[in-house]
Amino acid sequence: MSNSSERPESLGEYLAHLPLSDEQRAELATCTSFSELHRRLSAQPPSGENGAVQGSVGSRLTLDSAAEMQEAEMLALDASGRVCLKATPPIRRTRVIPEPWRTNILIRAWR
């Protein structure tokens, strides 16, 4: 999908932006609502009000460039086990506690 700020007015426009084959697009064109479309894309029962949309994220991410994203190690699982993009580098924790101040000038110079 593009990063444009325009919102699709219809399911047809939304489907036109998804990288699907003609057969897949024709099959999904019979959907009557966005929630039904996302339910079909996710291929699993929704777990809540936004469950269908959240469930289809993984399949929408891997529609066109699944091999490229897995090769670049851009896809990961979040804490809930859902597919997500790695958007930040891994966290490297450092000590927050300051080192003690040494009063001996020779020890300070040695460091």
PDB file of N, CA and C in Angstrom:
ATOM      1  N   MET A   1       0.833  -1.174   0.000  1.00  0.00           N
ATOM      2  CA  MET A   1       0.000   0.000   0.000  1.00  0.00           C
ATOM      3  C   MET A   1       0.876   1.234   0.000  1.00  0.00           C
ATOM      4  N   SER A   2       0.351   2.298  -0.523  1.00  0.00           N
ATOM      5  CA  SER A   2       1.104   3.539  -0.558  1.00  0.00           C
ATOM      6  C   SER A   2       0.924   4.300   0.752  1.00  0.00           C
ATOM      7  N   ASN A   3       1.748   5.289   0.937  1.00  0.00           N
ATOM      8  CA  ASN A   3       1.683   6.101   2.145  1.00  0.00           C
ATOM      9  C   ASN A   3       0.870   7.368   1.932  1.00  0.00           C
ATOM     10  N   SER A   4       0.027   7.397   0.925  1.00  0.00           N
ATOM     11  CA  SER A   4      -0.753   8.601   0.663  1.00  0.00           C
ATOM     12  C   SER A   4      -1.775   8.810   1.771  1.00  0.00           C
ATOM     13  N   SER A   5      -2.161  10.055   1.949  1.00  0.00           N
ATOM     14  CA  SER A   5      -3.099  10.374   3.014  1.00  0.00           C
ATOM     15  C   SER A   5      -4.546  10.179   2.582  1.00  0.00           C
ATOM     16  N   GLU A   6      -4.780   9.883   1.311  1.00  0.00           N
ATOM     17  CA  GLU A   6      -6.140   9.675   0.839  1.00  0.00           C
ATOM     18  C   GLU A   6      -6.652   8.332   1.327  1.00  0.00           C
ATOM     19  N   ARG A   7      -7.905   8.325   1.762  1.00  0.00           N
ATOM     20  CA  ARG A   7      -8.518   7.093   2.238  1.00  0.00           C
ATOM     21  C   ARG A   7      -9.345   6.498   1.112  1.00  0.00           C
ATOM     22  N   PRO A   8      -9.331   5.189   0.947  1.00  0.00           N
ATOM     23  CA  PRO A   8     -10.145   4.581  -0.108  1.00  0.00           C
ATOM     24  C   PRO A   8     -11.626   4.771   0.184  1.00  0.00           C
ATOM     25  N   GLU A   9     -12.373   5.135  -0.842  1.00  0.00           N
ATOM     26  CA  GLU A   9     -13.801   5.375  -0.685  1.00  0.00           C
ATOM     27  C   GLU A   9     -14.597   4.079  -0.741  1.00  0.00           C
ATOM     28  N   SER A  10     -14.054   3.071  -1.383  1.00  0.00           N
ATOM     29  CA  SER A  10     -14.803   1.830  -1.532  1.00  0.00           C
ATOM     30  C   SER A  10     -13.868   0.634  -1.394  1.00  0.00           C
ATOM     31  N   LEU A  11     -14.485  -0.527  -1.274  1.00  0.00           N
ATOM     32  CA  LEU A  11     -13.698  -1.763  -1.199  1.00  0.00           C
ATOM     33  C   LEU A  11     -12.915  -1.983  -2.482  1.00  0.00           C
ATOM     34  N   GLY A  12     -13.502  -1.592  -3.615  1.00  0.00           N
ATOM     35  CA  GLY A  12     -12.818  -1.750  -4.900  1.00  0.00           C
ATOM     36  C   GLY A  12     -11.517  -0.972  -4.954  1.00  0.00           C
ATOM     37  N   GLU A  13     -11.534   0.264  -4.460  1.00  0.00           N
ATOM     38  CA  GLU A  13     -10.310   1.067  -4.427  1.00  0.00           C
ATOM     39  C   GLU A  13      -9.279   0.447  -3.492  1.00  0.00           C
ATOM     40  N   TYR A  14      -9.745  -0.046  -2.356  1.00  0.00           N
ATOM     41  CA  TYR A  14      -8.842  -0.670  -1.387  1.00  0.00           C
ATOM     42  C   TYR A  14      -8.200  -1.915  -1.994  1.00  0.00           C
ATOM     43  N   LEU A  15      -9.012  -2.741  -2.656  1.00  0.00           N
ATOM     44  CA  LEU A  15      -8.490  -3.956  -3.284  1.00  0.00           C
ATOM     45  C   LEU A  15      -7.529  -3.630  -4.419  1.00  0.00           C
ATOM     46  N   ALA A  16      -7.769  -2.521  -5.117  1.00  0.00           N
ATOM     47  CA  ALA A  16      -6.892  -2.144  -6.221  1.00  0.00           C
ATOM     48  C   ALA A  16      -5.479  -1.831  -5.729  1.00  0.00           C
ATOM     49  N   HIS A  17      -5.352  -1.377  -4.490  1.00  0.00           N
ATOM     50  CA  HIS A  17      -4.035  -1.047  -3.944  1.00  0.00           C
ATOM     51  C   HIS A  17      -3.311  -2.259  -3.365  1.00  0.00           C
ATOM     52  N   LEU A  18      -4.029  -3.336  -3.098  1.00  0.00           N
ATOM     53  CA  LEU A  18      -3.380  -4.532  -2.553  1.00  0.00           C
ATOM     54  C   LEU A  18      -2.712  -5.315  -3.678  1.00  0.00           C
ATOM     55  N   PRO A  19      -1.508  -5.832  -3.454  1.00  0.00           N
ATOM     56  CA  PRO A  19      -0.815  -6.606  -4.488  1.00  0.00           C
ATOM     57  C   PRO A  19      -1.361  -8.032  -4.571  1.00  0.00           C
ATOM     58  N   LEU A  20      -2.520  -8.185  -5.191  1.00  0.00           N
ATOM     59  CA  LEU A  20      -3.184  -9.481  -5.309  1.00  0.00           C
ATOM     60  C   LEU A  20      -3.222  -9.920  -6.762  1.00  0.00           C
ATOM     61  N   SER A  21      -3.365 -11.220  -6.965  1.00  0.00           N
ATOM     62  CA  SER A  21      -3.590 -11.719  -8.318  1.00  0.00           C
ATOM     63  C   SER A  21      -5.035 -11.426  -8.707  1.00  0.00           C
ATOM     64  N   ASP A  22      -5.339 -11.547  -9.989  1.00  0.00           N
ATOM     65  CA  ASP A  22      -6.702 -11.269 -10.459  1.00  0.00           C
ATOM     66  C   ASP A  22      -7.715 -12.217  -9.831  1.00  0.00           C
ATOM     67  N   GLU A  23      -7.329 -13.483  -9.635  1.00  0.00           N
ATOM     68  CA  GLU A  23      -8.242 -14.454  -9.027  1.00  0.00           C
ATOM     69  C   GLU A  23      -8.536 -14.089  -7.572  1.00  0.00           C
ATOM     70  N   GLN A  24      -7.495 -13.730  -6.836  1.00  0.00           N
ATOM     71  CA  GLN A  24      -7.681 -13.349  -5.434  1.00  0.00           C
ATOM     72  C   GLN A  24      -8.524 -12.082  -5.321  1.00  0.00           C
ATOM     73  N   ARG A  25      -8.267 -11.119  -6.198  1.00  0.00           N
ATOM     74  CA  ARG A  25      -9.025  -9.867  -6.168  1.00  0.00           C
ATOM     75  C   ARG A  25     -10.494 -10.124  -6.489  1.00  0.00           C
ATOM     76  N   ALA A  26     -10.770 -11.007  -7.467  1.00  0.00           N
ATOM     77  CA  ALA A  26     -12.155 -11.325  -7.825  1.00  0.00           C
ATOM     78  C   ALA A  26     -12.859 -12.038  -6.674  1.00  0.00           C
ATOM     79  N   GLU A  27     -12.141 -12.917  -5.985  1.00  0.00           N
ATOM     80  CA  GLU A  27     -12.731 -13.631  -4.847  1.00  0.00           C
ATOM     81  C   GLU A  27     -13.059 -12.673  -3.705  1.00  0.00           C
ATOM     82  N   LEU A  28     -12.159 -11.735  -3.436  1.00  0.00           N
ATOM     83  CA  LEU A  28     -12.377 -10.787  -2.345  1.00  0.00           C
ATOM     84  C   LEU A  28     -13.340  -9.660  -2.725  1.00  0.00           C
ATOM     85  N   ALA A  29     -13.614  -9.493  -4.011  1.00  0.00           N
ATOM     86  CA  ALA A  29     -14.525  -8.430  -4.453  1.00  0.00           C
ATOM     87  C   ALA A  29     -15.963  -8.701  -4.036  1.00  0.00           C
ATOM     88  N   THR A  30     -16.272  -9.923  -3.634  1.00  0.00           N
ATOM     89  CA  THR A  30     -17.634 -10.249  -3.208  1.00  0.00           C
ATOM     90  C   THR A  30     -17.909  -9.823  -1.769  1.00  0.00           C
ATOM     91  N   CYS A  31     -16.909  -9.314  -1.073  1.00  0.00           N
ATOM     92  CA  CYS A  31     -17.095  -8.863   0.312  1.00  0.00           C
ATOM     93  C   CYS A  31     -18.015  -7.645   0.332  1.00  0.00           C
ATOM     94  N   THR A  32     -18.805  -7.545   1.385  1.00  0.00           N
ATOM     95  CA  THR A  32     -19.739  -6.423   1.502  1.00  0.00           C
ATOM     96  C   THR A  32     -19.258  -5.351   2.471  1.00  0.00           C
ATOM     97  N   SER A  33     -18.235  -5.634   3.264  1.00  0.00           N
ATOM     98  CA  SER A  33     -17.724  -4.637   4.209  1.00  0.00           C
ATOM     99  C   SER A  33     -16.225  -4.842   4.403  1.00  0.00           C
ATOM    100  N   PHE A  34     -15.596  -3.806   4.943  1.00  0.00           N
ATOM    101  CA  PHE A  34     -14.165  -3.902   5.217  1.00  0.00           C
ATOM    102  C   PHE A  34     -13.868  -4.967   6.268  1.00  0.00           C
ATOM    103  N   SER A  35     -14.740  -5.111   7.251  1.00  0.00           N
ATOM    104  CA  SER A  35     -14.497  -6.125   8.283  1.00  0.00           C
ATOM    105  C   SER A  35     -14.565  -7.529   7.692  1.00  0.00           C
ATOM    106  N   GLU A  36     -15.477  -7.761   6.758  1.00  0.00           N
ATOM    107  CA  GLU A  36     -15.538  -9.073   6.102  1.00  0.00           C
ATOM    108  C   GLU A  36     -14.292  -9.305   5.258  1.00  0.00           C
ATOM    109  N   LEU A  37     -13.830  -8.266   4.574  1.00  0.00           N
ATOM    110  CA  LEU A  37     -12.616  -8.374   3.767  1.00  0.00           C
ATOM    111  C   LEU A  37     -11.424  -8.740   4.640  1.00  0.00           C
ATOM    112  N   HIS A  38     -11.273  -8.066   5.772  1.00  0.00           N
ATOM    113  CA  HIS A  38     -10.151  -8.366   6.665  1.00  0.00           C
ATOM    114  C   HIS A  38     -10.307  -9.743   7.298  1.00  0.00           C
ATOM    115  N   ARG A  39     -11.525 -10.158   7.566  1.00  0.00           N
ATOM    116  CA  ARG A  39     -11.757 -11.493   8.113  1.00  0.00           C
ATOM    117  C   ARG A  39     -11.298 -12.555   7.116  1.00  0.00           C
ATOM    118  N   ARG A  40     -11.600 -12.353   5.837  1.00  0.00           N
ATOM    119  CA  ARG A  40     -11.159 -13.315   4.814  1.00  0.00           C
ATOM    120  C   ARG A  40      -9.648 -13.289   4.638  1.00  0.00           C
ATOM    121  N   LEU A  41      -9.064 -12.110   4.692  1.00  0.00           N
ATOM    122  CA  LEU A  41      -7.610 -12.017   4.558  1.00  0.00           C
ATOM    123  C   LEU A  41      -6.891 -12.681   5.727  1.00  0.00           C
ATOM    124  N   SER A  42      -7.451 -12.562   6.915  1.00  0.00           N
ATOM    125  CA  SER A  42      -6.782 -13.127   8.089  1.00  0.00           C
ATOM    126  C   SER A  42      -6.931 -14.637   8.162  1.00  0.00           C
ATOM    127  N   ALA A  43      -7.988 -15.184   7.582  1.00  0.00           N
ATOM    128  CA  ALA A  43      -8.247 -16.630   7.574  1.00  0.00           C
ATOM    129  C   ALA A  43      -8.334 -17.207   8.980  1.00  0.00           C
ATOM    130  N   GLN A  44      -8.800 -16.400   9.921  1.00  0.00           N
ATOM    131  CA  GLN A  44      -9.011 -16.876  11.286  1.00  0.00           C
ATOM    132  C   GLN A  44     -10.153 -16.075  11.894  1.00  0.00           C
ATOM    133  N   PRO A  45     -10.863 -16.631  12.866  1.00  0.00           N
ATOM    134  CA  PRO A  45     -11.977 -15.889  13.461  1.00  0.00           C
ATOM    135  C   PRO A  45     -11.474 -14.682  14.249  1.00  0.00           C
ATOM    136  N   PRO A  46     -12.180 -13.544  14.175  1.00  0.00           N
ATOM    137  CA  PRO A  46     -11.733 -12.357  14.908  1.00  0.00           C
ATOM    138  C   PRO A  46     -11.847 -12.549  16.408  1.00  0.00           C
ATOM    139  N   SER A  47     -10.940 -11.909  17.139  1.00  0.00           N
ATOM    140  CA  SER A  47     -10.927 -12.061  18.593  1.00  0.00           C
ATOM    141  C   SER A  47     -11.549 -10.873  19.308  1.00  0.00           C
ATOM    142  N   GLY A  48     -12.105  -9.938  18.583  1.00  0.00           N
ATOM    143  CA  GLY A  48     -12.726  -8.769  19.198  1.00  0.00           C
ATOM    144  C   GLY A  48     -13.252  -7.838  18.133  1.00  0.00           C
ATOM    145  N   GLU A  49     -13.547  -6.614  18.547  1.00  0.00           N
ATOM    146  CA  GLU A  49     -14.106  -5.648  17.604  1.00  0.00           C
ATOM    147  C   GLU A  49     -13.129  -5.341  16.472  1.00  0.00           C
ATOM    148  N   ASN A  50     -11.868  -5.146  16.795  1.00  0.00           N
ATOM    149  CA  ASN A  50     -10.844  -4.869  15.786  1.00  0.00           C
ATOM    150  C   ASN A  50     -10.026  -6.110  15.462  1.00  0.00           C
ATOM    151  N   GLY A  51     -10.504  -7.264  15.855  1.00  0.00           N
ATOM    152  CA  GLY A  51      -9.750  -8.498  15.663  1.00  0.00           C
ATOM    153  C   GLY A  51      -9.523  -8.853  14.212  1.00  0.00           C
ATOM    154  N   ALA A  52     -10.498  -8.597  13.353  1.00  0.00           N
ATOM    155  CA  ALA A  52     -10.342  -8.938  11.938  1.00  0.00           C
ATOM    156  C   ALA A  52      -9.257  -8.089  11.294  1.00  0.00           C
ATOM    157  N   VAL A  53      -9.246  -6.807  11.602  1.00  0.00           N
ATOM    158  CA  VAL A  53      -8.230  -5.920  11.030  1.00  0.00           C
ATOM    159  C   VAL A  53      -6.855  -6.303  11.551  1.00  0.00           C
ATOM    160  N   GLN A  54      -6.738  -6.523  12.855  1.00  0.00           N
ATOM    161  CA  GLN A  54      -5.454  -6.907  13.441  1.00  0.00           C
ATOM    162  C   GLN A  54      -5.016  -8.274  12.937  1.00  0.00           C
ATOM    163  N   GLY A  55      -5.965  -9.184  12.753  1.00  0.00           N
ATOM    164  CA  GLY A  55      -5.625 -10.518  12.282  1.00  0.00           C
ATOM    165  C   GLY A  55      -5.134 -10.542  10.852  1.00  0.00           C
ATOM    166  N   SER A  56      -5.551  -9.571  10.037  1.00  0.00           N
ATOM    167  CA  SER A  56      -5.140  -9.561   8.635  1.00  0.00           C
ATOM    168  C   SER A  56      -3.827  -8.824   8.407  1.00  0.00           C
ATOM    169  N   VAL A  57      -3.249  -8.245   9.433  1.00  0.00           N
ATOM    170  CA  VAL A  57      -1.994  -7.504   9.273  1.00  0.00           C
ATOM    171  C   VAL A  57      -0.902  -8.413   8.724  1.00  0.00           C
ATOM    172  N   GLY A  58      -0.766  -9.586   9.288  1.00  0.00           N
ATOM    173  CA  GLY A  58       0.278 -10.503   8.842  1.00  0.00           C
ATOM    174  C   GLY A  58       0.145 -10.880   7.386  1.00  0.00           C
ATOM    175  N   SER A  59      -1.079 -11.188   6.950  1.00  0.00           N
ATOM    176  CA  SER A  59      -1.256 -11.568   5.548  1.00  0.00           C
ATOM    177  C   SER A  59      -1.085 -10.368   4.626  1.00  0.00           C
ATOM    178  N   ARG A  60      -1.485  -9.167   5.059  1.00  0.00           N
ATOM    179  CA  ARG A  60      -1.286  -7.981   4.225  1.00  0.00           C
ATOM    180  C   ARG A  60       0.188  -7.626   4.120  1.00  0.00           C
ATOM    181  N   LEU A  61       0.954  -7.835   5.189  1.00  0.00           N
ATOM    182  CA  LEU A  61       2.388  -7.551   5.142  1.00  0.00           C
ATOM    183  C   LEU A  61       3.120  -8.505   4.212  1.00  0.00           C
ATOM    184  N   THR A  62       2.662  -9.731   4.139  1.00  0.00           N
ATOM    185  CA  THR A  62       3.376 -10.741   3.362  1.00  0.00           C
ATOM    186  C   THR A  62       2.767 -10.994   1.988  1.00  0.00           C
ATOM    187  N   LEU A  63       1.807 -10.183   1.553  1.00  0.00           N
ATOM    188  CA  LEU A  63       1.185 -10.404   0.247  1.00  0.00           C
ATOM    189  C   LEU A  63       2.190 -10.341  -0.889  1.00  0.00           C
ATOM    190  N   ASP A  64       2.954  -9.280  -0.957  1.00  0.00           N
ATOM    191  CA  ASP A  64       3.805  -9.049  -2.114  1.00  0.00           C
ATOM    192  C   ASP A  64       5.269  -9.369  -1.864  1.00  0.00           C
ATOM    193  N   SER A  65       5.747  -9.070  -0.701  1.00  0.00           N
ATOM    194  CA  SER A  65       7.188  -9.138  -0.476  1.00  0.00           C
ATOM    195  C   SER A  65       7.554 -10.003   0.721  1.00  0.00           C
ATOM    196  N   ALA A  66       6.884 -11.114   0.874  1.00  0.00           N
ATOM    197  CA  ALA A  66       7.143 -11.968   2.038  1.00  0.00           C
ATOM    198  C   ALA A  66       8.579 -12.472   2.056  1.00  0.00           C
ATOM    199  N   ALA A  67       9.070 -12.951   0.923  1.00  0.00           N
ATOM    200  CA  ALA A  67      10.427 -13.495   0.882  1.00  0.00           C
ATOM    201  C   ALA A  67      11.460 -12.406   1.158  1.00  0.00           C
ATOM    202  N   GLU A  68      11.249 -11.225   0.576  1.00  0.00           N
ATOM    203  CA  GLU A  68      12.193 -10.125   0.791  1.00  0.00           C
ATOM    204  C   GLU A  68      12.219  -9.692   2.251  1.00  0.00           C
ATOM    205  N   MET A  69      11.040  -9.614   2.878  1.00  0.00           N
ATOM    206  CA  MET A  69      10.979  -9.177   4.275  1.00  0.00           C
ATOM    207  C   MET A  69      11.580 -10.216   5.208  1.00  0.00           C
ATOM    208  N   GLN A  70      11.354 -11.485   4.932  1.00  0.00           N
ATOM    209  CA  GLN A  70      11.932 -12.519   5.788  1.00  0.00           C
ATOM    210  C   GLN A  70      13.435 -12.593   5.594  1.00  0.00           C
ATOM    211  N   GLU A  71      13.890 -12.380   4.363  1.00  0.00           N
ATOM    212  CA  GLU A  71      15.321 -12.390   4.102  1.00  0.00           C
ATOM    213  C   GLU A  71      16.012 -11.228   4.813  1.00  0.00           C
ATOM    214  N   ALA A  72      15.361 -10.077   4.833  1.00  0.00           N
ATOM    215  CA  ALA A  72      15.915  -8.908   5.514  1.00  0.00           C
ATOM    216  C   ALA A  72      15.622  -8.930   7.011  1.00  0.00           C
ATOM    217  N   GLU A  73      14.934  -9.959   7.477  1.00  0.00           N
ATOM    218  CA  GLU A  73      14.569 -10.128   8.887  1.00  0.00           C
ATOM    219  C   GLU A  73      13.797  -8.918   9.407  1.00  0.00           C
ATOM    220  N   MET A  74      12.812  -8.466   8.625  1.00  0.00           N
ATOM    221  CA  MET A  74      11.998  -7.313   9.008  1.00  0.00           C
ATOM    222  C   MET A  74      10.713  -7.718   9.715  1.00  0.00           C
ATOM    223  N   LEU A  75      10.300  -8.975   9.571  1.00  0.00           N
ATOM    224  CA  LEU A  75       9.080  -9.437  10.220  1.00  0.00           C
ATOM    225  C   LEU A  75       9.419 -10.091  11.545  1.00  0.00           C
ATOM    226  N   ALA A  76       8.577  -9.847  12.536  1.00  0.00           N
ATOM    227  CA  ALA A  76       8.775 -10.431  13.860  1.00  0.00           C
ATOM    228  C   ALA A  76       7.414 -10.707  14.478  1.00  0.00           C
ATOM    229  N   LEU A  77       7.426 -11.338  15.622  1.00  0.00           N
ATOM    230  CA  LEU A  77       6.202 -11.561  16.387  1.00  0.00           C
ATOM    231  C   LEU A  77       6.233 -10.662  17.611  1.00  0.00           C
ATOM    232  N   ASP A  78       5.099 -10.006  17.883  1.00  0.00           N
ATOM    233  CA  ASP A  78       5.045  -9.168  19.078  1.00  0.00           C
ATOM    234  C   ASP A  78       4.764 -10.030  20.301  1.00  0.00           C
ATOM    235  N   ALA A  79       4.572  -9.410  21.442  1.00  0.00           N
ATOM    236  CA  ALA A  79       4.366 -10.139  22.694  1.00  0.00           C
ATOM    237  C   ALA A  79       3.104 -10.989  22.675  1.00  0.00           C
ATOM    238  N   SER A  80       2.129 -10.614  21.858  1.00  0.00           N
ATOM    239  CA  SER A  80       0.879 -11.376  21.754  1.00  0.00           C
ATOM    240  C   SER A  80       0.932 -12.442  20.677  1.00  0.00           C
ATOM    241  N   GLY A  81       2.057 -12.588  19.999  1.00  0.00           N
ATOM    242  CA  GLY A  81       2.205 -13.601  18.967  1.00  0.00           C
ATOM    243  C   GLY A  81       1.695 -13.174  17.604  1.00  0.00           C
ATOM    244  N   ARG A  82       1.474 -11.868  17.389  1.00  0.00           N
ATOM    245  CA  ARG A  82       0.999 -11.364  16.105  1.00  0.00           C
ATOM    246  C   ARG A  82       2.179 -10.920  15.258  1.00  0.00           C
ATOM    247  N   VAL A  83       2.021 -10.997  13.942  1.00  0.00           N
ATOM    248  CA  VAL A  83       3.071 -10.571  13.025  1.00  0.00           C
ATOM    249  C   VAL A  83       3.158  -9.053  13.034  1.00  0.00           C
ATOM    250  N   CYS A  84       4.386  -8.533  13.080  1.00  0.00           N
ATOM    251  CA  CYS A  84       4.593  -7.088  13.045  1.00  0.00           C
ATOM    252  C   CYS A  84       5.915  -6.798  12.336  1.00  0.00           C
ATOM    253  N   LEU A  85       6.121  -5.538  11.998  1.00  0.00           N
ATOM    254  CA  LEU A  85       7.372  -5.098  11.401  1.00  0.00           C
ATOM    255  C   LEU A  85       8.356  -4.702  12.489  1.00  0.00           C
ATOM    256  N   LYS A  86       9.620  -5.033  12.279  1.00  0.00           N
ATOM    257  CA  LYS A  86      10.657  -4.551  13.189  1.00  0.00           C
ATOM    258  C   LYS A  86      10.965  -3.119  12.775  1.00  0.00           C
ATOM    259  N   ALA A  87      10.508  -2.176  13.556  1.00  0.00           N
ATOM    260  CA  ALA A  87      10.663  -0.769  13.195  1.00  0.00           C
ATOM    261  C   ALA A  87      11.801  -0.085  13.940  1.00  0.00           C
ATOM    262  N   THR A  88      12.341  -0.732  14.951  1.00  0.00           N
ATOM    263  CA  THR A  88      13.413  -0.128  15.734  1.00  0.00           C
ATOM    264  C   THR A  88      14.514  -1.160  15.955  1.00  0.00           C
ATOM    265  N   PRO A  89      15.715  -0.709  16.217  1.00  0.00           N
ATOM    266  CA  PRO A  89      16.779  -1.663  16.536  1.00  0.00           C
ATOM    267  C   PRO A  89      16.530  -2.291  17.904  1.00  0.00           C
ATOM    268  N   PRO A  90      17.155  -3.414  18.187  1.00  0.00           N
ATOM    269  CA  PRO A  90      16.963  -4.034  19.500  1.00  0.00           C
ATOM    270  C   PRO A  90      17.461  -3.121  20.619  1.00  0.00           C
ATOM    271  N   ILE A  91      16.830  -3.239  21.758  1.00  0.00           N
ATOM    272  CA  ILE A  91      17.176  -2.397  22.903  1.00  0.00           C
ATOM    273  C   ILE A  91      18.453  -2.923  23.548  1.00  0.00           C
ATOM    274  N   ARG A  92      19.393  -2.036  23.763  1.00  0.00           N
ATOM    275  CA  ARG A  92      20.637  -2.360  24.460  1.00  0.00           C
ATOM    276  C   ARG A  92      20.619  -1.593  25.774  1.00  0.00           C
ATOM    277  N   ARG A  93      20.439  -2.288  26.845  1.00  0.00           N
ATOM    278  CA  ARG A  93      20.352  -1.644  28.160  1.00  0.00           C
ATOM    279  C   ARG A  93      21.744  -1.310  28.676  1.00  0.00           C
ATOM    280  N   THR A  94      21.863  -0.137  29.258  1.00  0.00           N
ATOM    281  CA  THR A  94      23.110   0.260  29.906  1.00  0.00           C
ATOM    282  C   THR A  94      22.825   0.571  31.365  1.00  0.00           C
ATOM    283  N   ARG A  95      23.864   0.622  32.137  1.00  0.00           N
ATOM    284  CA  ARG A  95      23.695   0.904  33.560  1.00  0.00           C
ATOM    285  C   ARG A  95      23.251   2.336  33.755  1.00  0.00           C
ATOM    286  N   VAL A  96      22.325   2.529  34.658  1.00  0.00           N
ATOM    287  CA  VAL A  96      21.831   3.860  34.980  1.00  0.00           C
ATOM    288  C   VAL A  96      22.540   4.396  36.213  1.00  0.00           C
ATOM    289  N   ILE A  97      23.067   3.510  37.016  1.00  0.00           N
ATOM    290  CA  ILE A  97      23.743   3.900  38.254  1.00  0.00           C
ATOM    291  C   ILE A  97      25.130   4.436  37.899  1.00  0.00           C
ATOM    292  N   PRO A  98      25.460   5.633  38.350  1.00  0.00           N
ATOM    293  CA  PRO A  98      26.783   6.180  38.037  1.00  0.00           C
ATOM    294  C   PRO A  98      27.874   5.426  38.800  1.00  0.00           C
ATOM    295  N   GLU A  99      29.044   5.430  38.218  1.00  0.00           N
ATOM    296  CA  GLU A  99      30.169   4.810  38.908  1.00  0.00           C
ATOM    297  C   GLU A  99      30.585   5.706  40.070  1.00  0.00           C
ATOM    298  N   PRO A 100      31.077   5.112  41.144  1.00  0.00           N
ATOM    299  CA  PRO A 100      31.454   5.927  42.310  1.00  0.00           C
ATOM    300  C   PRO A 100      32.608   6.871  41.972  1.00  0.00           C
ATOM    301  N   TRP A 101      32.565   8.042  42.577  1.00  0.00           N
ATOM    302  CA  TRP A 101      33.598   9.038  42.364  1.00  0.00           C
ATOM    303  C   TRP A 101      34.835   8.653  43.162  1.00  0.00           C
ATOM    304  N   ARG A 102      35.930   8.579  42.494  1.00  0.00           N
ATOM    305  CA  ARG A 102      37.193   8.229  43.146  1.00  0.00           C
ATOM    306  C   ARG A 102      37.923   9.520  43.529  1.00  0.00           C
ATOM    307  N   THR A 103      38.347   9.609  44.759  1.00  0.00           N
ATOM    308  CA  THR A 103      39.042  10.816  45.219  1.00  0.00           C
ATOM    309  C   THR A 103      40.544  10.745  44.971  1.00  0.00           C
ATOM    310  N   ASN A 104      41.061   9.547  44.815  1.00  0.00           N
ATOM    311  CA  ASN A 104      42.489   9.397  44.576  1.00  0.00           C
ATOM    312  C   ASN A 104      42.774   9.763  43.119  1.00  0.00           C
ATOM    313  N   ILE A 105      43.634  10.755  42.913  1.00  0.00           N
ATOM    314  CA  ILE A 105      43.906  11.244  41.561  1.00  0.00           C
ATOM    315  C   ILE A 105      44.623  10.204  40.706  1.00  0.00           C
ATOM    316  N   LEU A 106      45.426   9.333  41.312  1.00  0.00           N
ATOM    317  CA  LEU A 106      46.128   8.312  40.541  1.00  0.00           C
ATOM    318  C   LEU A 106      45.150   7.272  39.983  1.00  0.00           C
ATOM    319  N   ILE A 107      44.161   6.904  40.773  1.00  0.00           N
ATOM    320  CA  ILE A 107      43.168   5.931  40.302  1.00  0.00           C
ATOM    321  C   ILE A 107      42.320   6.546  39.192  1.00  0.00           C
ATOM    322  N   ARG A 108      41.949   7.829  39.338  1.00  0.00           N
ATOM    323  CA  ARG A 108      41.154   8.494  38.297  1.00  0.00           C
ATOM    324  C   ARG A 108      41.943   8.597  37.001  1.00  0.00           C
ATOM    325  N   ALA A 109      43.225   8.882  37.084  1.00  0.00           N
ATOM    326  CA  ALA A 109      44.058   8.999  35.885  1.00  0.00           C
ATOM    327  C   ALA A 109      44.256   7.635  35.231  1.00  0.00           C
ATOM    328  N   TRP A 110      44.299   6.590  36.027  1.00  0.00           N
ATOM    329  CA  TRP A 110      44.498   5.239  35.505  1.00  0.00           C
ATOM    330  C   TRP A 110      43.327   4.811  34.628  1.00  0.00           C
ATOM    331  N   ARG A 111      42.124   5.245  34.946  1.00  0.00           N
ATOM    332  CA  ARG A 111      40.921   4.872  34.196  1.00  0.00           C
ATOM    333  C   ARG A 111      40.922   5.600  32.934  1.00  0.00           C
TER     334      ARG A 111
END
